N, C-alpha and C. Protein backbone atom coordinates (compact mmCIF):
# COMPACT_ATOMS: atom_id res chain seq x y z
N GLN A 1 129.23 33.24 90.68
CA GLN A 1 129.63 34.42 91.65
C GLN A 1 128.90 35.80 91.30
N VAL A 2 128.48 36.30 92.31
CA VAL A 2 127.71 37.56 92.37
C VAL A 2 128.63 38.83 93.15
N GLN A 3 128.86 39.88 92.51
CA GLN A 3 129.59 41.10 93.15
C GLN A 3 128.30 42.05 93.43
N LEU A 4 128.64 42.60 94.76
CA LEU A 4 127.38 43.43 95.19
C LEU A 4 128.11 44.80 95.53
N VAL A 5 127.66 45.98 94.95
CA VAL A 5 128.26 47.32 95.20
C VAL A 5 127.18 48.05 95.89
N GLU A 6 127.30 48.63 97.04
CA GLU A 6 126.29 49.54 97.54
C GLU A 6 126.61 50.93 97.60
N SER A 7 125.74 51.86 97.31
CA SER A 7 126.03 53.09 97.19
C SER A 7 125.05 54.09 97.94
N GLY A 8 125.18 55.47 98.13
CA GLY A 8 124.04 56.31 98.74
C GLY A 8 123.94 56.34 100.17
N GLY A 9 124.84 55.98 100.85
CA GLY A 9 125.03 56.14 102.18
C GLY A 9 125.60 57.66 102.44
N GLY A 10 125.50 57.95 103.75
CA GLY A 10 126.11 59.42 104.01
C GLY A 10 125.47 59.99 105.31
N LEU A 11 125.89 61.27 105.46
CA LEU A 11 125.52 61.91 106.77
C LEU A 11 124.05 62.55 106.51
N VAL A 12 123.15 62.46 107.61
CA VAL A 12 121.93 63.00 107.27
C VAL A 12 121.44 63.32 108.84
N GLN A 13 120.41 64.44 108.84
CA GLN A 13 120.02 64.80 110.21
C GLN A 13 118.62 63.80 110.57
N ALA A 14 118.32 63.70 111.56
CA ALA A 14 117.29 62.90 112.39
C ALA A 14 116.09 63.51 111.58
N GLY A 15 115.27 62.59 111.06
CA GLY A 15 114.01 62.79 110.38
C GLY A 15 114.33 62.98 108.72
N GLY A 16 115.49 63.01 108.24
CA GLY A 16 115.65 63.10 106.91
C GLY A 16 115.66 61.51 106.16
N SER A 17 116.12 61.59 105.04
CA SER A 17 115.93 60.68 104.11
C SER A 17 117.10 60.11 103.26
N LEU A 18 117.36 59.09 103.18
CA LEU A 18 118.28 58.28 102.26
C LEU A 18 117.65 57.29 101.61
N ARG A 19 118.47 57.22 100.36
CA ARG A 19 118.09 55.94 99.27
C ARG A 19 119.42 55.31 99.19
N LEU A 20 119.55 53.96 99.53
CA LEU A 20 120.55 53.08 99.27
C LEU A 20 120.41 52.38 98.04
N SER A 21 121.35 51.95 97.21
CA SER A 21 121.49 51.40 96.00
C SER A 21 122.44 50.13 96.18
N CYS A 22 122.15 49.10 95.63
CA CYS A 22 123.10 47.87 95.48
C CYS A 22 122.91 47.41 94.09
N ALA A 23 124.02 47.67 93.45
CA ALA A 23 124.00 47.04 91.96
C ALA A 23 124.99 45.75 92.03
N ALA A 24 124.39 44.56 91.12
CA ALA A 24 124.91 43.34 91.14
C ALA A 24 125.33 43.15 89.89
N SER A 25 126.49 42.29 89.78
CA SER A 25 127.35 42.29 88.56
C SER A 25 126.48 40.96 87.72
N ALA A 26 125.91 40.01 88.29
CA ALA A 26 125.46 38.86 87.68
C ALA A 26 124.18 38.94 86.92
N ARG A 27 124.17 38.43 85.67
CA ARG A 27 122.86 38.20 84.72
C ARG A 27 121.95 37.65 85.58
N THR A 28 122.22 36.71 86.69
CA THR A 28 121.24 35.99 87.32
C THR A 28 120.80 36.57 88.43
N PHE A 29 120.91 37.93 88.54
CA PHE A 29 120.58 38.64 89.54
C PHE A 29 118.96 38.42 90.15
N ARG A 30 118.21 38.08 88.98
CA ARG A 30 116.73 38.01 89.16
C ARG A 30 116.39 36.71 89.50
N THR A 31 117.38 35.90 89.77
CA THR A 31 116.94 34.61 90.40
C THR A 31 117.33 34.55 91.79
N TYR A 32 117.82 35.65 92.54
CA TYR A 32 118.48 35.65 93.83
C TYR A 32 117.33 36.74 94.78
N ALA A 33 117.10 36.14 95.93
CA ALA A 33 116.35 37.01 96.85
C ALA A 33 117.39 37.77 97.51
N MET A 34 117.02 39.02 97.87
CA MET A 34 118.11 40.06 98.31
C MET A 34 117.66 40.62 99.86
N GLY A 35 118.62 41.06 100.46
CA GLY A 35 118.35 41.29 101.66
C GLY A 35 119.35 42.66 102.02
N TRP A 36 118.74 43.55 103.19
CA TRP A 36 119.62 44.51 103.52
C TRP A 36 119.84 44.15 105.06
N PHE A 37 121.21 44.42 105.50
CA PHE A 37 121.38 44.14 106.88
C PHE A 37 122.20 45.44 107.37
N ARG A 38 122.51 45.49 108.56
CA ARG A 38 123.32 46.65 108.97
C ARG A 38 124.07 46.18 110.37
N GLN A 39 125.07 46.88 110.47
CA GLN A 39 126.03 46.69 111.56
C GLN A 39 126.50 47.89 112.27
N ALA A 40 126.20 48.19 113.39
CA ALA A 40 126.62 49.60 114.40
C ALA A 40 127.73 48.95 115.15
N PRO A 41 128.60 49.86 115.43
CA PRO A 41 129.87 49.49 116.24
C PRO A 41 129.42 48.80 117.48
N GLY A 42 130.42 47.61 117.58
CA GLY A 42 130.02 46.74 118.98
C GLY A 42 128.98 46.01 119.06
N LYS A 43 128.07 45.97 117.68
CA LYS A 43 126.91 45.25 117.74
C LYS A 43 126.98 44.29 116.68
N GLU A 44 126.08 43.06 116.66
CA GLU A 44 125.83 42.22 115.62
C GLU A 44 125.24 42.79 114.49
N ARG A 45 125.56 42.11 113.39
CA ARG A 45 124.77 42.49 112.29
C ARG A 45 123.62 42.13 112.27
N GLU A 46 122.55 42.93 112.03
CA GLU A 46 121.11 42.57 112.19
C GLU A 46 120.41 42.96 110.72
N PHE A 47 119.48 42.09 110.68
CA PHE A 47 118.50 42.06 109.42
C PHE A 47 117.78 43.33 109.41
N VAL A 48 117.54 44.09 108.28
CA VAL A 48 116.83 45.25 108.15
C VAL A 48 115.50 44.85 107.28
N ALA A 49 115.99 44.28 105.86
CA ALA A 49 114.62 44.13 105.12
C ALA A 49 115.16 43.07 104.05
N GLY A 50 114.25 42.38 103.37
CA GLY A 50 114.29 41.43 102.52
C GLY A 50 113.34 41.40 101.38
N ILE A 51 113.69 40.88 100.19
CA ILE A 51 112.66 40.87 99.04
C ILE A 51 112.91 39.61 98.19
N SER A 52 111.77 39.03 97.86
CA SER A 52 111.99 37.69 97.06
C SER A 52 112.32 38.13 95.71
N TRP A 53 112.81 37.22 94.86
CA TRP A 53 113.42 37.11 93.54
C TRP A 53 112.53 38.04 92.61
N SER A 54 111.08 37.91 92.87
CA SER A 54 110.42 38.45 91.99
C SER A 54 109.99 39.91 92.28
N GLY A 55 110.27 40.21 93.54
CA GLY A 55 109.83 41.48 94.35
C GLY A 55 108.42 41.40 94.88
N THR A 56 107.73 40.29 95.00
CA THR A 56 106.29 40.24 95.31
C THR A 56 106.28 40.26 96.71
N ARG A 57 107.21 39.71 97.35
CA ARG A 57 107.16 39.63 98.77
C ARG A 57 108.47 40.23 99.59
N THR A 58 108.06 41.08 100.50
CA THR A 58 109.20 41.94 101.28
C THR A 58 108.85 41.78 102.67
N TYR A 59 109.84 41.88 103.47
CA TYR A 59 109.91 41.57 105.01
C TYR A 59 110.76 42.62 105.40
N TYR A 60 110.29 42.92 106.87
CA TYR A 60 111.09 44.14 107.44
C TYR A 60 111.38 43.69 108.96
N ALA A 61 112.41 44.14 109.52
CA ALA A 61 112.55 44.34 110.93
C ALA A 61 111.64 45.32 111.52
N ASP A 62 111.11 44.91 112.63
CA ASP A 62 110.24 45.73 113.45
C ASP A 62 110.78 47.23 113.48
N SER A 63 111.91 47.37 113.73
CA SER A 63 112.60 48.58 114.01
C SER A 63 112.36 49.50 112.92
N VAL A 64 112.29 49.05 111.59
CA VAL A 64 112.27 49.75 110.59
C VAL A 64 110.79 49.86 109.76
N LYS A 65 110.00 49.11 110.12
CA LYS A 65 108.59 48.78 109.51
C LYS A 65 108.11 50.04 109.49
N GLY A 66 107.25 50.47 108.45
CA GLY A 66 106.76 51.68 108.11
C GLY A 66 107.59 52.95 107.92
N ARG A 67 108.89 52.67 108.10
CA ARG A 67 109.92 53.76 107.70
C ARG A 67 110.73 53.58 106.38
N PHE A 68 111.01 52.36 106.26
CA PHE A 68 111.97 51.77 105.13
C PHE A 68 111.16 50.98 104.10
N THR A 69 111.72 51.08 102.95
CA THR A 69 111.02 50.54 101.93
C THR A 69 112.19 49.69 101.00
N ILE A 70 112.11 48.27 100.82
CA ILE A 70 112.96 47.78 99.98
C ILE A 70 112.15 47.27 98.53
N SER A 71 113.16 47.60 97.61
CA SER A 71 112.41 47.27 96.19
C SER A 71 113.64 46.79 95.38
N ARG A 72 113.22 46.49 93.98
CA ARG A 72 114.24 45.95 93.20
C ARG A 72 113.86 46.24 91.84
N ASP A 73 114.92 46.39 90.96
CA ASP A 73 114.68 46.52 89.45
C ASP A 73 115.49 45.53 88.80
N ASN A 74 114.97 44.37 88.49
CA ASN A 74 115.55 43.39 87.78
C ASN A 74 116.31 43.63 86.48
N ALA A 75 115.64 44.32 85.90
CA ALA A 75 116.14 45.14 84.48
C ALA A 75 117.52 45.53 84.70
N LYS A 76 117.58 46.48 85.91
CA LYS A 76 118.95 47.20 86.28
C LYS A 76 119.76 46.28 87.19
N ASN A 77 119.49 45.12 87.50
CA ASN A 77 120.18 44.25 88.38
C ASN A 77 120.51 45.26 89.75
N THR A 78 119.61 45.88 90.30
CA THR A 78 119.71 46.63 91.50
C THR A 78 118.71 46.51 92.31
N VAL A 79 118.96 46.32 93.88
CA VAL A 79 117.82 46.71 94.63
C VAL A 79 118.21 48.03 95.60
N TYR A 80 117.14 48.42 96.07
CA TYR A 80 117.02 49.84 96.84
C TYR A 80 116.52 49.40 98.18
N LEU A 81 116.97 50.42 98.99
CA LEU A 81 116.44 50.68 100.36
C LEU A 81 116.25 52.04 100.65
N GLN A 82 114.80 52.46 100.29
CA GLN A 82 114.45 53.86 100.73
C GLN A 82 114.28 53.93 102.27
N MET A 83 115.05 54.88 102.91
CA MET A 83 115.00 55.08 104.43
C MET A 83 114.48 56.37 104.50
N ASN A 84 113.32 56.58 105.40
CA ASN A 84 112.69 57.77 105.76
C ASN A 84 112.62 57.87 106.95
N SER A 85 112.37 59.15 107.64
CA SER A 85 112.24 59.50 109.19
C SER A 85 113.39 58.79 109.84
N LEU A 86 114.39 58.98 109.41
CA LEU A 86 115.64 58.35 109.99
C LEU A 86 116.02 58.97 111.23
N LYS A 87 116.39 58.00 112.13
CA LYS A 87 116.73 58.11 113.69
C LYS A 87 118.21 57.94 114.04
N PRO A 88 118.72 58.41 115.01
CA PRO A 88 120.33 58.18 115.43
C PRO A 88 120.61 56.78 115.51
N GLU A 89 119.52 56.13 115.90
CA GLU A 89 119.81 54.56 116.08
C GLU A 89 119.84 53.82 114.84
N ASP A 90 119.59 54.48 113.75
CA ASP A 90 119.63 53.88 112.38
C ASP A 90 121.17 54.07 111.94
N THR A 91 122.09 54.60 112.68
CA THR A 91 123.49 54.87 112.32
C THR A 91 124.11 53.33 112.24
N ALA A 92 124.75 53.02 111.29
CA ALA A 92 125.43 51.86 110.92
C ALA A 92 126.13 51.84 109.59
N VAL A 93 126.82 50.72 109.49
CA VAL A 93 127.20 50.42 108.12
C VAL A 93 126.10 49.36 107.57
N TYR A 94 125.72 49.91 106.42
CA TYR A 94 124.42 48.99 105.71
C TYR A 94 124.95 47.91 104.58
N TYR A 95 124.66 46.85 104.53
CA TYR A 95 125.11 45.92 103.57
C TYR A 95 123.90 45.13 102.78
N CYS A 96 124.11 44.97 101.54
CA CYS A 96 123.23 44.18 100.86
C CYS A 96 123.75 42.84 100.65
N ALA A 97 122.90 41.82 100.56
CA ALA A 97 123.21 40.46 100.48
C ALA A 97 122.41 39.77 99.39
N ALA A 98 122.90 38.62 98.87
CA ALA A 98 122.01 38.02 97.86
C ALA A 98 122.16 36.47 98.20
N GLY A 99 120.97 35.83 98.18
CA GLY A 99 120.79 34.40 98.48
C GLY A 99 119.66 33.59 97.89
N GLY A 100 119.32 32.65 98.46
CA GLY A 100 118.24 31.64 97.91
C GLY A 100 116.98 31.96 98.65
N LEU A 101 117.11 32.88 99.79
CA LEU A 101 116.04 33.06 100.80
C LEU A 101 115.95 34.59 100.95
N SER A 102 114.84 35.18 101.01
CA SER A 102 114.81 36.54 101.88
C SER A 102 114.55 36.55 103.29
N GLY A 103 115.18 35.75 104.07
CA GLY A 103 114.96 35.62 105.35
C GLY A 103 115.84 36.56 106.12
N ALA A 104 115.84 36.41 107.36
CA ALA A 104 116.21 37.40 108.47
C ALA A 104 117.68 37.05 108.84
N GLN A 105 118.23 35.62 108.71
CA GLN A 105 119.49 35.21 109.14
C GLN A 105 120.48 35.51 107.86
N PRO A 106 121.74 36.01 108.68
CA PRO A 106 122.79 36.28 107.50
C PRO A 106 123.11 34.97 106.97
N SER A 107 122.97 33.86 107.43
CA SER A 107 123.51 32.45 106.91
C SER A 107 122.50 32.13 105.77
N GLU A 108 121.47 32.83 105.51
CA GLU A 108 120.82 32.49 104.49
C GLU A 108 121.02 33.15 103.11
N TYR A 109 122.11 33.88 103.31
CA TYR A 109 122.62 34.90 102.20
C TYR A 109 123.85 34.13 101.82
N THR A 110 124.38 34.21 100.48
CA THR A 110 125.74 33.87 100.13
C THR A 110 126.55 34.86 99.57
N TYR A 111 126.11 35.99 99.03
CA TYR A 111 126.97 36.99 98.53
C TYR A 111 126.77 38.27 99.30
N TRP A 112 128.01 38.92 99.74
CA TRP A 112 127.84 40.27 100.64
C TRP A 112 128.53 41.33 99.81
N GLY A 113 127.82 42.62 99.94
CA GLY A 113 128.76 43.73 99.42
C GLY A 113 129.55 44.23 100.53
N GLN A 114 130.16 45.29 100.46
CA GLN A 114 131.40 45.73 101.20
C GLN A 114 130.62 46.75 102.23
N GLY A 115 129.37 47.20 101.87
CA GLY A 115 128.81 48.12 102.99
C GLY A 115 128.93 49.63 102.67
N THR A 116 127.96 50.30 103.02
CA THR A 116 127.95 51.82 103.00
C THR A 116 127.52 52.47 104.31
N GLN A 117 128.26 53.31 104.58
CA GLN A 117 128.06 54.07 105.99
C GLN A 117 126.75 55.04 105.97
N VAL A 118 125.99 54.83 106.98
CA VAL A 118 125.04 55.81 107.11
C VAL A 118 125.04 56.24 108.57
N THR A 119 124.92 57.63 108.68
CA THR A 119 125.10 58.48 109.97
C THR A 119 123.98 59.35 110.10
N VAL A 120 123.13 59.22 111.32
CA VAL A 120 122.03 59.97 111.51
C VAL A 120 122.29 60.92 112.62
N SER A 121 122.53 62.15 112.37
CA SER A 121 122.78 63.09 113.70
C SER A 121 121.67 63.55 114.23
N SER A 122 121.56 63.87 115.50
CA SER A 122 120.25 64.22 116.31
C SER A 122 120.26 65.76 116.36
């Protein structure tokens, strides 16, 4: 069982930055691929970024490529999402997830956090 707790969300102006963190409870954290997803009101949950268990491979949705960076610190059981050049369309609840693969489908992830709200004002 893995418990995930996101933090770092908030209100920011367009063009600003935020860094989300996701702390995992399990000592087996280093064996899981991790992902970030987001869900805006009235929309389906969408993939944002993924990272392999070792951190050597990362994947991004086209909409955030070049602006967001996913990283992990296995010694701290934490995965991060650095978000720069934020846009109003990035407004959503952001979720971190743990699973066997770092793919773009929610079904590839087993454990989910409760989410953190990110609001970008224009």
